[in-house]
Amino acid sequence: MSIQTQAGAPAILTPEALAFLEELARRFEPRRRALLEARKERMGRLAQGELPDFLDQTRDIRSSDWRVAPIPPGLEDRRVEITGPVDRKMVINALNSSATMFMADFEDSNSPTWENVTEGQQNLFDAVRRTIEFQSPEGKQYRLAEKTATLLVRPRGWHLVEKHCLAGGEPISASLFDFGLFFFHNAAELLRRGAGPYFYLPKLESHLEARLWNDVFVFAQDYCGVPQGSIRATVLIETILAAFEMDEILYELKDHSGGLNCGRWDYIFSFIKKLGHRPEYLTPDRAQVTMSAPFMKAYVDLLIRTCHRRGIHAMGGMAAQIPIKNDPVKNEEALEKVRQDKLREVKAGHDGTWVAHPGLVGIAKEIFDTHMPTPNQIHVKRDDVQVTAAQLLEPPKGTITEQGLRINIDVGLQYLESWLNGNGCVPIYNLMEDAATAEISRTQVWQWVRHGARLDDGRPVTADLVRQTVREELLRQPGTPAKRTAAEIFERMMTAGDCAEFLTLEAYSLLP
């Protein structure tokens, strides 16, 4: 097997790093592809009427007593985590934000152009060594503060590839590329500085996919001469199928586990994608699918109980609001939503939470400081929780409105336009949108069209109505040339016979 890059080789891609990536691809690419085929087979069974359920063959793992490896000192307190893409200014601001942790994201909030991906790796290399600096076009200087957040890194999911880096003539797994490049360059340095190589793992659909990650970790630590167990990885439970395998996922990553996280927006997207072919799973307007919906509450309660039983963190979800500087009334309304969301999380038993904007760190921290005086609340076992498959699958109730249809299309077009222009984290209508929220918008409309769902005024949602609404949104906000391309992609996916797996897979070929 040989490895080569198709778009130049930035300094971060040293011969030694490329040799490591090549070995990762040689050892693990066949299993990755087999697991993606297993996803398709599972989706075929769901389309034929099967419903997700807890696995019979892993009942012993769920019922027996075991715990994950002890939490390293630097990860005991994770009360506020800020997330964002890996551009240089963002990395500095997030590390300086007073959040406990910063998740540097190569996935949903990053448009994976070759420049973004490779410069992002260089930015993290510099951040780990505290040499990162940035000067804005206006001349403002950005440097790291004395005290910074602890760094975590989210590589792209198993379903994605890095088209600019070929192993044996085929694009390498984007997961292996992102993880491998960061780990190779920074694992030993992080350990030397008293931290460690900490990761978030996205989009898993089964414990077998977690097992693959664990095997990657074991090999990578041996290859780079890093002690086994140095890696800690928090898994985002953001697919409906993974919700039925939380215990099993923790078990597979037992020596490397950092816990689980409620990836709420992708979870809603997955709920629609996996069950949306069934009319009884019609979802109402996106704004009506809140954390108080029974299926979302069941998912949260099960995640907290599962993590705490196994001695590890149960992380809360994202507050997508951003401060509204020019309207104090609306700003206070938005901040109050954040307060209530974080209060719900800490009282439910979460050990920490996510925010998308530095302006929300203080609010989230105040809530968790008040109600969680200890570094975490893993001692809150939630033995009262008994979640059934039916509760995890209970459809949300609500209405479908013309405004809901329009906002889905409007936000989807604006987001995809920005993504095609190289920006994957976009403030739209005072919310920080990423690929996950665009996916909800896209799959909801697809589901409504498929089942001829009716708006609250009685009109059916048809492909023609969707096309008409797309045209109207383009006239209202023409945008950049990428907006029309975004409209073509989004319209096609919303009106197709089948629900495509991922918007980003469809659009990735258009990125430089």
Protein backbone atom coordinates (compact mmCIF):
# COMPACT_ATOMS: atom_id res chain seq x y z
CA MET A 1 0.00 0.00 0.00
CA SER A 2 1.24 3.48 -0.82
CA ILE A 3 0.01 6.81 0.48
CA GLN A 4 -0.04 10.11 -1.36
CA THR A 5 -1.68 13.50 -1.11
CA GLN A 6 -3.55 15.01 -4.01
CA ALA A 7 -3.41 18.70 -3.13
CA GLY A 8 0.08 19.43 -1.93
CA ALA A 9 1.69 18.37 1.32
CA PRO A 10 1.62 20.96 4.11
CA ALA A 11 4.38 20.81 6.72
CA ILE A 12 2.15 18.92 9.15
CA LEU A 13 2.18 15.93 6.74
CA THR A 14 5.68 14.73 7.51
CA PRO A 15 6.92 11.45 5.98
CA GLU A 16 6.72 9.82 9.41
CA ALA A 17 3.12 10.98 9.94
CA LEU A 18 2.14 9.72 6.48
CA ALA A 19 3.72 6.35 7.23
CA PHE A 20 1.57 6.12 10.37
CA LEU A 21 -1.59 7.03 8.40
CA GLU A 22 -0.71 4.39 5.82
CA GLU A 23 -0.40 1.74 8.51
CA LEU A 24 -3.72 2.77 10.07
CA ALA A 25 -5.40 2.46 6.66
CA ARG A 26 -3.79 -0.91 5.93
CA ARG A 27 -4.87 -2.41 9.24
CA PHE A 28 -8.32 -0.91 9.74
CA GLU A 29 -9.83 0.19 6.41
CA PRO A 30 -11.30 -3.25 5.56
CA ARG A 31 -13.14 -3.36 8.88
CA ARG A 32 -14.42 0.20 8.47
CA ARG A 33 -15.90 -0.67 5.08
CA ALA A 34 -17.45 -3.86 6.44
CA LEU A 35 -19.10 -1.88 9.24
CA LEU A 36 -20.51 0.62 6.75
CA GLU A 37 -21.98 -2.30 4.80
CA ALA A 38 -23.49 -3.54 8.07
CA ARG A 39 -25.12 -0.11 8.47
CA LYS A 40 -26.76 -0.50 5.06
CA GLU A 41 -27.98 -3.98 5.90
CA ARG A 42 -29.44 -2.75 9.18
CA MET A 43 -31.18 0.11 7.41
CA GLY A 44 -32.64 -2.40 4.97
CA ARG A 45 -34.13 -4.37 7.85
CA LEU A 46 -35.58 -1.19 9.36
CA ALA A 47 -37.13 -0.34 6.00
CA GLN A 48 -38.75 -3.78 6.01
CA GLY A 49 -40.44 -3.11 9.34
CA GLU A 50 -37.89 -4.00 12.01
CA LEU A 51 -37.67 -1.61 14.96
CA PRO A 52 -34.54 -0.89 17.02
CA ASP A 53 -34.31 -2.82 20.29
CA PHE A 54 -31.82 -3.81 22.96
CA LEU A 55 -29.58 -6.67 21.80
CA ASP A 56 -30.23 -10.17 23.12
CA GLN A 57 -26.64 -11.28 22.49
CA THR A 58 -25.20 -8.58 24.79
CA ARG A 59 -27.67 -8.94 27.66
CA ASP A 60 -24.89 -10.10 30.00
CA ILE A 61 -22.90 -6.90 29.40
CA ARG A 62 -25.92 -4.79 30.32
CA SER A 63 -26.80 -6.79 33.43
CA SER A 64 -23.35 -7.46 34.91
CA ASP A 65 -21.34 -5.17 37.16
CA TRP A 66 -18.24 -3.58 35.66
CA ARG A 67 -16.73 -0.12 35.46
CA VAL A 68 -14.61 1.72 32.94
CA ALA A 69 -11.02 2.68 33.74
CA PRO A 70 -10.55 5.31 36.47
CA ILE A 71 -10.88 8.91 35.34
CA PRO A 72 -7.53 10.71 34.93
CA PRO A 73 -7.17 13.81 37.15
CA GLY A 74 -7.39 16.25 34.23
CA LEU A 75 -10.81 14.96 33.19
CA GLU A 76 -12.59 14.78 36.54
CA ASP A 77 -14.25 18.19 36.15
CA ARG A 78 -15.84 18.84 32.74
CA ARG A 79 -18.67 21.13 33.78
CA VAL A 80 -18.58 23.45 30.74
CA GLU A 81 -17.27 22.45 27.33
CA ILE A 82 -17.17 24.86 24.42
CA THR A 83 -17.09 23.49 20.90
CA GLY A 84 -16.15 24.93 17.56
CA PRO A 85 -14.15 24.49 14.36
CA VAL A 86 -10.38 24.42 14.16
CA ASP A 87 -9.60 27.79 12.57
CA ARG A 88 -6.78 29.66 14.31
CA LYS A 89 -8.75 32.50 15.92
CA MET A 90 -11.47 30.13 17.14
CA VAL A 91 -8.94 27.80 18.75
CA ILE A 92 -7.35 30.66 20.70
CA ASN A 93 -10.66 32.20 21.77
CA ALA A 94 -12.13 28.86 22.83
CA LEU A 95 -9.07 27.88 24.85
CA ASN A 96 -9.19 31.32 26.52
CA SER A 97 -12.97 31.27 27.07
CA SER A 98 -12.85 30.12 30.74
CA ALA A 99 -14.64 26.92 29.73
CA THR A 100 -13.33 23.79 31.39
CA MET A 101 -12.83 22.01 28.06
CA PHE A 102 -12.62 22.91 24.38
CA MET A 103 -13.67 20.36 21.79
CA ALA A 104 -11.85 21.22 18.57
CA ASP A 105 -14.11 19.97 15.83
CA PHE A 106 -13.10 18.49 12.47
CA GLU A 107 -16.64 17.22 12.00
CA ASP A 108 -20.07 18.92 12.03
CA SER A 109 -18.91 22.50 12.57
CA ASN A 110 -16.04 22.27 10.10
CA SER A 111 -16.32 22.48 6.33
CA PRO A 112 -13.69 19.86 5.40
CA THR A 113 -11.79 21.68 2.68
CA TRP A 114 -8.19 20.52 2.42
CA GLU A 115 -7.05 23.91 3.69
CA ASN A 116 -9.38 23.82 6.71
CA VAL A 117 -8.38 20.28 7.64
CA THR A 118 -4.61 20.65 7.31
CA GLU A 119 -4.43 24.18 8.75
CA GLY A 120 -6.65 22.96 11.60
CA GLN A 121 -4.11 20.25 12.39
CA GLN A 122 -1.31 22.82 12.36
CA ASN A 123 -3.35 25.10 14.63
CA LEU A 124 -3.78 22.32 17.18
CA PHE A 125 -0.10 21.40 16.92
CA ASP A 126 0.77 24.99 17.80
CA ALA A 127 -1.90 25.18 20.53
CA VAL A 128 -0.58 22.08 22.28
CA ARG A 129 2.86 23.71 22.40
CA ARG A 130 1.36 27.10 23.35
CA THR A 131 3.00 28.82 20.38
CA ILE A 132 -0.27 29.63 18.61
CA GLU A 133 -0.85 33.30 17.75
CA PHE A 134 -3.16 35.17 15.38
CA GLN A 135 -3.38 38.72 14.07
CA SER A 136 -6.66 39.93 12.61
CA PRO A 137 -6.77 42.07 9.44
CA GLU A 138 -7.43 45.05 11.76
CA GLY A 139 -4.19 44.31 13.62
CA LYS A 140 -5.66 42.78 16.80
CA GLN A 141 -3.36 40.22 18.41
CA TYR A 142 -4.60 36.90 19.83
CA ARG A 143 -2.48 34.75 22.18
CA LEU A 144 -3.15 32.06 24.75
CA ALA A 145 -3.90 33.10 28.32
CA GLU A 146 -1.97 31.61 31.23
CA LYS A 147 -4.87 29.28 32.10
CA THR A 148 -6.65 27.58 29.22
CA ALA A 149 -9.32 24.96 28.67
CA THR A 150 -8.35 21.31 28.31
CA LEU A 151 -8.26 20.25 24.67
CA LEU A 152 -10.40 17.48 23.18
CA VAL A 153 -10.55 16.68 19.46
CA ARG A 154 -13.46 15.36 17.40
CA PRO A 155 -12.39 13.59 14.19
CA ARG A 156 -14.85 13.06 11.37
CA GLY A 157 -17.17 10.06 11.45
CA TRP A 158 -16.57 6.57 10.06
CA HIS A 159 -18.77 7.30 7.03
CA LEU A 160 -16.50 10.06 5.67
CA VAL A 161 -13.28 9.93 3.65
CA GLU A 162 -10.44 12.38 3.07
CA LYS A 163 -10.34 12.60 -0.72
CA HIS A 164 -7.01 14.44 -0.79
CA CYS A 165 -5.09 11.64 0.91
CA LEU A 166 -4.95 8.26 -0.84
CA ALA A 167 -3.91 4.95 0.68
CA GLY A 168 -3.39 2.28 -1.95
CA GLY A 169 -5.07 4.53 -4.49
CA GLU A 170 -8.26 4.95 -2.41
CA PRO A 171 -9.26 7.90 -0.21
CA ILE A 172 -8.30 7.28 3.40
CA SER A 173 -10.91 7.21 6.15
CA ALA A 174 -11.43 10.77 7.39
CA SER A 175 -11.67 9.36 10.92
CA LEU A 176 -8.26 7.73 10.67
CA PHE A 177 -6.77 10.80 8.98
CA ASP A 178 -8.01 13.28 11.60
CA PHE A 179 -7.31 11.07 14.59
CA GLY A 180 -4.01 9.74 13.26
CA LEU A 181 -2.46 13.06 12.33
CA PHE A 182 -3.36 14.69 15.65
CA PHE A 183 -2.33 11.69 17.73
CA PHE A 184 0.97 11.13 15.96
CA HIS A 185 2.13 14.71 16.43
CA ASN A 186 0.67 15.54 19.83
CA ALA A 187 0.03 12.51 22.08
CA ALA A 188 3.49 12.38 23.67
CA GLU A 189 3.66 16.18 23.99
CA LEU A 190 0.27 16.33 25.72
CA LEU A 191 1.33 13.66 28.20
CA ARG A 192 4.59 15.50 28.84
CA ARG A 193 2.56 18.60 29.71
CA GLY A 194 0.33 16.73 32.17
CA ALA A 195 -2.70 16.29 29.90
CA GLY A 196 -3.42 13.54 27.40
CA PRO A 197 -4.82 12.71 23.97
CA TYR A 198 -8.55 13.20 24.54
CA PHE A 199 -11.17 12.70 21.84
CA TYR A 200 -14.87 12.81 21.00
CA LEU A 201 -16.18 10.09 18.69
CA PRO A 202 -19.15 11.01 16.45
CA LYS A 203 -21.95 9.18 14.64
CA LEU A 204 -21.40 5.66 16.01
CA GLU A 205 -24.28 3.29 15.30
CA SER A 206 -23.12 0.16 17.14
CA HIS A 207 -20.74 -1.24 19.74
CA LEU A 208 -18.83 -2.93 16.92
CA GLU A 209 -17.93 0.52 15.60
CA ALA A 210 -16.71 1.41 19.11
CA ARG A 211 -14.66 -1.80 19.11
CA LEU A 212 -12.95 -0.67 15.92
CA TRP A 213 -12.06 2.64 17.54
CA ASN A 214 -10.68 0.82 20.58
CA ASP A 215 -8.49 -1.38 18.39
CA VAL A 216 -7.23 1.73 16.59
CA PHE A 217 -6.34 3.24 19.97
CA VAL A 218 -4.47 0.16 21.15
CA PHE A 219 -2.43 0.00 17.95
CA ALA A 220 -1.75 3.75 17.86
CA GLN A 221 -0.47 3.84 21.43
CA ASP A 222 1.93 0.95 20.77
CA TYR A 223 3.11 2.41 17.45
CA CYS A 224 3.88 5.81 18.97
CA GLY A 225 5.31 4.47 22.22
CA VAL A 226 2.53 5.96 24.33
CA PRO A 227 1.33 4.05 27.43
CA GLN A 228 -1.84 2.03 26.94
CA GLY A 229 -4.86 3.81 28.42
CA SER A 230 -3.49 7.29 27.66
CA ILE A 231 -6.29 7.93 25.18
CA ARG A 232 -9.71 8.83 26.56
CA ALA A 233 -12.65 9.08 24.20
CA THR A 234 -16.16 10.35 24.86
CA VAL A 235 -18.76 8.90 22.52
CA LEU A 236 -21.56 11.11 21.24
CA ILE A 237 -24.80 9.18 21.46
CA GLU A 238 -26.29 10.89 18.45
CA THR A 239 -27.92 8.00 16.61
CA ILE A 240 -31.08 6.19 17.63
CA LEU A 241 -29.34 2.84 17.13
CA ALA A 242 -26.47 3.70 19.49
CA ALA A 243 -29.01 4.61 22.18
CA PHE A 244 -29.83 0.90 22.45
CA GLU A 245 -26.13 0.00 22.87
CA MET A 246 -24.83 2.52 25.42
CA ASP A 247 -23.59 -0.13 27.86
CA GLU A 248 -21.97 -2.08 25.07
CA ILE A 249 -20.21 0.99 23.66
CA LEU A 250 -18.77 1.85 27.06
CA TYR A 251 -17.70 -1.77 27.49
CA GLU A 252 -15.82 -1.84 24.19
CA LEU A 253 -13.94 1.34 25.09
CA LYS A 254 -13.59 0.35 28.74
CA ASP A 255 -9.88 1.18 29.09
CA HIS A 256 -10.17 4.34 26.99
CA SER A 257 -13.61 5.68 27.87
CA GLY A 258 -14.35 9.29 28.71
CA GLY A 259 -18.10 8.68 28.90
CA LEU A 260 -21.06 9.50 26.71
CA ASN A 261 -22.59 12.76 25.47
CA CYS A 262 -26.14 13.64 24.47
CA GLY A 263 -25.60 14.78 20.88
CA ARG A 264 -29.16 16.00 20.74
CA TRP A 265 -29.37 17.55 17.27
CA ASP A 266 -27.84 14.61 15.43
CA TYR A 267 -29.99 12.32 17.57
CA ILE A 268 -33.16 13.96 16.26
CA PHE A 269 -31.77 13.73 12.72
CA SER A 270 -31.03 10.03 13.20
CA PHE A 271 -34.51 9.40 14.63
CA ILE A 272 -36.03 10.82 11.45
CA LYS A 273 -33.55 9.16 9.09
CA LYS A 274 -33.89 5.68 10.57
CA LEU A 275 -37.64 5.74 11.22
CA GLY A 276 -38.93 8.41 8.84
CA HIS A 277 -40.14 5.90 6.25
CA ARG A 278 -42.91 4.98 8.71
CA PRO A 279 -45.86 7.42 8.85
CA GLU A 280 -46.35 6.94 12.60
CA TYR A 281 -42.95 8.61 13.14
CA LEU A 282 -43.81 11.93 11.52
CA THR A 283 -42.11 14.74 13.43
CA PRO A 284 -43.56 18.21 13.99
CA ASP A 285 -41.77 21.51 13.34
CA ARG A 286 -38.16 21.40 14.47
CA ALA A 287 -38.81 24.07 17.11
CA GLN A 288 -41.39 21.79 18.73
CA VAL A 289 -39.02 18.82 19.15
CA THR A 290 -37.54 19.83 22.49
CA MET A 291 -35.76 18.02 25.29
CA SER A 292 -39.09 17.68 27.08
CA ALA A 293 -40.39 15.33 24.36
CA PRO A 294 -40.79 11.90 25.97
CA PHE A 295 -38.39 10.13 23.58
CA MET A 296 -35.70 12.74 24.28
CA LYS A 297 -36.19 12.61 28.05
CA ALA A 298 -35.96 8.80 27.98
CA TYR A 299 -32.71 9.02 26.02
CA VAL A 300 -31.20 11.51 28.47
CA ASP A 301 -32.22 9.53 31.56
CA LEU A 302 -30.88 6.27 30.15
CA LEU A 303 -27.57 7.89 29.20
CA ILE A 304 -27.04 9.34 32.68
CA ARG A 305 -27.97 6.11 34.45
CA THR A 306 -25.74 4.06 32.15
CA CYS A 307 -22.68 6.29 32.52
CA HIS A 308 -22.94 6.70 36.28
CA ARG A 309 -23.42 2.99 36.80
CA ARG A 310 -20.12 2.47 34.96
CA GLY A 311 -18.26 5.24 36.78
CA ILE A 312 -17.91 7.80 34.01
CA HIS A 313 -19.22 11.17 32.80
CA ALA A 314 -22.64 11.73 31.25
CA MET A 315 -22.31 14.97 29.30
CA GLY A 316 -25.21 17.23 28.38
CA GLY A 317 -26.02 18.73 25.01
CA MET A 318 -25.40 21.87 23.05
CA ALA A 319 -26.81 25.31 23.79
CA ALA A 320 -26.94 26.72 20.27
CA GLN A 321 -28.04 30.25 21.25
CA ILE A 322 -25.67 33.15 20.70
CA PRO A 323 -25.85 36.57 22.39
CA ILE A 324 -28.03 39.14 20.60
CA LYS A 325 -26.09 42.36 21.04
CA ASN A 326 -28.52 44.77 19.37
CA ASP A 327 -31.72 43.70 21.18
CA PRO A 328 -31.54 43.47 25.01
CA VAL A 329 -35.04 42.02 25.31
CA LYS A 330 -34.47 39.20 22.84
CA ASN A 331 -31.02 38.65 24.27
CA GLU A 332 -32.42 38.09 27.75
CA GLU A 333 -35.07 35.72 26.34
CA ALA A 334 -32.34 33.70 24.62
CA LEU A 335 -30.14 33.61 27.71
CA GLU A 336 -33.06 32.50 29.85
CA LYS A 337 -33.57 29.54 27.51
CA VAL A 338 -29.94 28.63 28.09
CA ARG A 339 -30.35 28.90 31.87
CA GLN A 340 -33.41 26.67 31.89
CA ASP A 341 -31.75 24.12 29.60
CA LYS A 342 -28.64 23.91 31.77
CA LEU A 343 -30.72 23.78 34.95
CA ARG A 344 -32.63 20.82 33.51
CA GLU A 345 -29.36 19.09 32.68
CA VAL A 346 -27.64 19.53 36.02
CA LYS A 347 -30.76 18.48 37.94
CA ALA A 348 -31.12 15.39 35.75
CA GLY A 349 -27.61 14.34 36.75
CA HIS A 350 -25.38 15.46 33.88
CA ASP A 351 -21.73 16.03 34.77
CA GLY A 352 -21.19 18.88 32.33
CA THR A 353 -22.63 20.57 29.29
CA TRP A 354 -21.84 22.12 25.90
CA VAL A 355 -22.06 25.69 24.65
CA ALA A 356 -21.34 27.04 21.17
CA HIS A 357 -20.39 30.61 22.07
CA PRO A 358 -17.94 32.07 24.63
CA GLY A 359 -20.71 34.40 25.81
CA LEU A 360 -22.61 31.42 27.24
CA VAL A 361 -19.74 29.92 29.24
CA GLY A 362 -20.41 32.06 32.33
CA ILE A 363 -24.10 31.25 32.40
CA ALA A 364 -23.58 27.53 32.08
CA LYS A 365 -20.78 27.58 34.65
CA GLU A 366 -22.90 29.49 37.17
CA ILE A 367 -25.71 26.93 36.90
CA PHE A 368 -23.39 23.96 37.31
CA ASP A 369 -21.36 25.62 40.09
CA THR A 370 -24.56 26.27 42.05
CA HIS A 371 -26.06 22.81 41.66
CA MET A 372 -22.92 20.67 41.30
CA PRO A 373 -20.37 21.70 43.94
CA THR A 374 -18.38 18.50 43.34
CA PRO A 375 -16.18 17.98 40.22
CA ASN A 376 -18.92 15.76 38.78
CA GLN A 377 -22.00 13.95 40.03
CA ILE A 378 -21.23 10.40 38.98
CA HIS A 379 -22.35 9.44 42.50
CA VAL A 380 -25.94 10.27 41.42
CA LYS A 381 -26.77 6.78 40.18
CA ARG A 382 -30.34 7.36 38.88
CA ASP A 383 -31.39 3.85 39.89
CA ASP A 384 -34.97 5.09 39.53
CA VAL A 385 -34.58 5.03 35.74
CA GLN A 386 -35.98 2.08 33.82
CA VAL A 387 -36.19 2.96 30.13
CA THR A 388 -37.96 0.68 27.65
CA ALA A 389 -37.53 0.41 23.90
CA ALA A 390 -41.03 1.81 23.46
CA GLN A 391 -40.09 4.94 25.41
CA LEU A 392 -36.99 5.53 23.28
CA LEU A 393 -39.13 5.18 20.16
CA GLU A 394 -42.15 7.26 21.20
CA PRO A 395 -42.80 9.78 18.39
CA PRO A 396 -42.87 13.47 19.33
CA LYS A 397 -46.20 15.26 19.14
CA GLY A 398 -46.96 18.64 17.58
CA THR A 399 -47.95 20.42 14.40
CA ILE A 400 -46.40 21.05 11.01
CA THR A 401 -46.67 24.66 9.86
CA GLU A 402 -45.79 26.69 6.80
CA GLN A 403 -43.37 28.66 8.97
CA GLY A 404 -41.71 25.40 10.02
CA LEU A 405 -41.37 24.35 6.38
CA ARG A 406 -39.94 27.72 5.39
CA ILE A 407 -37.45 27.91 8.25
CA ASN A 408 -36.18 24.41 7.45
CA ILE A 409 -35.57 25.36 3.83
CA ASP A 410 -34.25 28.82 4.64
CA VAL A 411 -31.77 27.62 7.27
CA GLY A 412 -30.76 24.62 5.19
CA LEU A 413 -29.94 26.76 2.16
CA GLN A 414 -28.05 29.36 4.18
CA TYR A 415 -26.05 26.72 6.00
CA LEU A 416 -25.14 24.67 2.93
CA GLU A 417 -24.17 27.83 1.05
CA SER A 418 -21.78 28.71 3.85
CA TRP A 419 -20.45 25.13 4.05
CA LEU A 420 -19.71 25.13 0.31
CA ASN A 421 -17.89 28.43 0.83
CA GLY A 422 -15.67 26.82 3.46
CA ASN A 423 -17.44 27.73 6.73
CA GLY A 424 -19.17 24.95 8.68
CA CYS A 425 -20.24 26.88 11.80
CA VAL A 426 -22.80 29.55 10.91
CA PRO A 427 -24.83 32.00 13.03
CA ILE A 428 -28.36 32.10 11.56
CA TYR A 429 -31.25 33.85 13.32
CA ASN A 430 -29.32 34.01 16.60
CA LEU A 431 -28.56 30.28 16.68
CA MET A 432 -25.25 28.62 15.86
CA GLU A 433 -26.07 26.16 13.10
CA ASP A 434 -23.90 23.24 12.04
CA ALA A 435 -24.31 20.19 9.82
CA ALA A 436 -26.52 18.42 12.37
CA THR A 437 -29.20 21.12 12.39
CA ALA A 438 -29.10 21.33 8.59
CA GLU A 439 -29.65 17.57 8.51
CA ILE A 440 -32.76 17.89 10.68
CA SER A 441 -34.10 20.53 8.31
CA ARG A 442 -33.43 18.38 5.25
CA THR A 443 -34.78 15.08 6.59
CA GLN A 444 -37.87 16.63 8.14
CA VAL A 445 -38.98 18.06 4.82
CA TRP A 446 -38.16 14.76 3.07
CA GLN A 447 -40.32 12.92 5.62
CA TRP A 448 -43.20 15.36 5.23
CA VAL A 449 -43.13 15.02 1.44
CA ARG A 450 -42.87 11.23 1.56
CA HIS A 451 -46.01 10.90 3.68
CA GLY A 452 -47.93 13.85 2.27
CA ALA A 453 -48.05 15.40 5.72
CA ARG A 454 -50.51 18.23 6.10
CA LEU A 455 -49.72 21.69 7.34
CA ASP A 456 -51.89 23.02 10.12
CA ASP A 457 -53.83 24.98 7.46
CA GLY A 458 -54.78 21.73 5.70
CA ARG A 459 -52.41 21.86 2.70
CA PRO A 460 -50.33 18.74 1.96
CA VAL A 461 -46.55 19.07 1.82
CA THR A 462 -45.74 18.06 -1.75
CA ALA A 463 -42.58 18.10 -3.84
CA ASP A 464 -44.06 20.98 -5.83
CA LEU A 465 -44.67 23.00 -2.67
CA VAL A 466 -41.06 22.39 -1.61
CA ARG A 467 -39.72 23.47 -5.01
CA GLN A 468 -41.89 26.58 -4.93
CA THR A 469 -40.65 27.45 -1.43
CA VAL A 470 -37.03 26.97 -2.50
CA ARG A 471 -37.57 29.37 -5.42
CA GLU A 472 -39.16 31.94 -3.12
CA GLU A 473 -36.29 31.71 -0.64
CA LEU A 474 -33.76 32.18 -3.44
CA LEU A 475 -35.60 35.30 -4.59
CA ARG A 476 -35.79 36.63 -1.04
CA GLN A 477 -32.11 35.99 -0.24
CA PRO A 478 -30.10 35.29 -3.41
CA GLY A 479 -26.78 34.88 -1.56
CA THR A 480 -23.50 33.93 -3.23
CA PRO A 481 -23.18 31.72 -6.35
CA ALA A 482 -22.92 28.76 -3.96
CA LYS A 483 -26.51 29.46 -2.84
CA ARG A 484 -27.95 28.15 -6.12
CA THR A 485 -25.78 25.05 -5.92
CA ALA A 486 -26.95 24.58 -2.34
CA ALA A 487 -30.56 24.94 -3.49
CA GLU A 488 -30.13 22.29 -6.17
CA ILE A 489 -28.62 19.81 -3.70
CA PHE A 490 -31.08 20.53 -0.90
CA GLU A 491 -34.13 20.45 -3.17
CA ARG A 492 -33.07 17.16 -4.74
CA MET A 493 -32.51 15.53 -1.35
CA MET A 494 -35.79 16.82 0.12
CA THR A 495 -37.86 15.48 -2.79
CA ALA A 496 -36.03 12.19 -3.47
CA GLY A 497 -37.69 8.83 -3.05
CA ASP A 498 -35.15 7.64 -0.50
CA CYS A 499 -33.58 9.52 2.40
CA ALA A 500 -29.89 10.01 1.65
CA GLU A 501 -27.53 9.07 4.47
CA PHE A 502 -25.73 12.40 4.87
CA LEU A 503 -25.94 15.84 3.32
CA THR A 504 -22.17 16.24 3.69
CA LEU A 505 -21.53 13.06 1.70
CA GLU A 506 -23.59 14.44 -1.18
CA ALA A 507 -21.81 17.82 -1.18
CA TYR A 508 -18.23 16.83 -0.32
CA SER A 509 -17.16 16.40 -3.96
CA LEU A 510 -17.78 20.13 -4.50
CA LEU A 511 -15.27 21.26 -1.87
CA PRO A 512 -11.70 22.17 -2.85
